[in-house]
């Protein structure tokens, strides 16, 4: 019975060590992980919006545009 308990203690110690190692690694590299997550999210948003916007903008952009400013007709008194 003592050997079973000792085996469980060793397994628990190894598990605690691995868990501590994972948390320390995550804490040390949190900036890198956050930057990667930000890049992935940005790429997903750009792809999603990029596929929607061109179709929406086609209807809003006129085929032919006029002059930048409408021509001003001079008003001369008496004419």
Protein backbone atom coordinates (compact mmCIF):
# COMPACT_ATOMS: atom_id res chain seq x y z
CA UNK A 1 0.00 0.00 0.00
CA UNK A 2 2.86 2.34 0.80
CA UNK A 3 4.31 1.86 -2.70
CA UNK A 4 0.97 2.86 -4.30
CA UNK A 5 0.81 6.01 -2.19
CA UNK A 6 4.44 6.85 -3.01
CA UNK A 7 3.66 6.36 -6.72
CA UNK A 8 0.70 8.73 -6.45
CA UNK A 9 2.87 11.29 -4.67
CA UNK A 10 5.45 11.13 -7.46
CA UNK A 11 2.75 11.51 -10.12
CA UNK A 12 1.27 14.47 -8.21
CA UNK A 13 4.71 16.08 -7.89
CA UNK A 14 5.39 15.70 -11.63
CA UNK A 15 1.94 17.06 -12.47
CA UNK A 16 2.45 20.07 -10.19
CA UNK A 17 5.87 20.72 -11.76
CA UNK A 18 4.50 20.57 -15.29
CA UNK A 19 1.59 22.82 -14.38
CA UNK A 20 3.92 25.33 -12.74
CA UNK A 21 6.20 25.25 -15.79
CA UNK A 22 3.28 25.94 -18.13
CA UNK A 23 2.11 28.91 -16.05
CA UNK A 24 5.62 30.36 -15.79
CA UNK A 25 6.11 29.99 -19.55
CA UNK A 26 2.77 31.68 -20.19
CA UNK A 27 3.58 34.52 -17.81
CA UNK A 28 7.02 35.13 -19.28
CA UNK A 29 5.74 35.07 -22.89
CA UNK A 30 2.41 36.86 -22.30
CA UNK A 31 3.37 39.82 -24.51
CA UNK A 32 4.32 37.57 -27.41
CA UNK A 33 1.13 35.52 -27.04
CA UNK A 34 -1.00 38.69 -26.82
CA UNK A 35 0.64 40.10 -29.97
CA UNK A 36 0.01 36.86 -31.87
CA UNK A 37 -3.62 36.83 -30.76
CA UNK A 38 -4.00 40.49 -31.79
CA UNK A 39 -2.53 39.73 -35.24
CA UNK A 40 -4.84 36.74 -35.73
CA UNK A 41 -7.88 38.77 -34.73
CA UNK A 42 -6.85 41.64 -36.99
CA UNK A 43 -6.43 39.27 -39.94
CA UNK A 44 -9.82 37.69 -39.31
CA UNK A 45 -11.53 41.08 -39.15
CA UNK A 46 -9.76 42.34 -42.28
CA UNK A 47 -10.77 39.23 -44.21
CA UNK A 48 -14.38 39.42 -43.00
CA UNK A 49 -14.80 43.13 -43.67
CA UNK A 50 -12.77 43.02 -46.88
CA UNK A 51 -15.19 40.54 -48.36
CA UNK A 52 -18.23 42.63 -47.45
CA UNK A 53 -17.11 46.18 -48.21
CA UNK A 54 -16.33 45.93 -51.96
CA UNK A 55 -19.85 44.77 -52.73
CA UNK A 56 -21.37 47.55 -50.65
CA UNK A 57 -19.18 50.24 -52.14
CA UNK A 58 -19.97 49.33 -55.77
CA UNK A 59 -23.52 50.61 -55.38
CA UNK A 60 -22.45 53.84 -53.66
CA UNK A 61 -19.78 55.00 -56.12
CA UNK A 62 -21.21 56.79 -59.17
CA UNK A 63 -20.13 55.71 -62.64
CA UNK A 64 -19.58 59.28 -63.86
CA UNK A 65 -18.85 62.24 -61.66
CA UNK A 66 -19.37 65.92 -62.34
CA UNK A 67 -16.93 68.75 -61.82
CA UNK A 68 -15.41 69.28 -58.41
CA UNK A 69 -17.39 72.51 -57.99
CA UNK A 70 -20.46 73.50 -59.95
CA UNK A 71 -19.76 76.33 -62.39
CA UNK A 72 -20.70 79.75 -61.11
CA UNK A 73 -22.72 81.85 -63.52
CA UNK A 74 -21.71 85.48 -63.23
CA UNK A 75 -24.55 87.81 -62.49
CA UNK A 76 -24.16 91.17 -64.19
CA UNK A 77 -26.79 93.74 -63.33
CA UNK A 78 -28.87 94.77 -66.27
CA UNK A 79 -28.21 91.73 -68.41
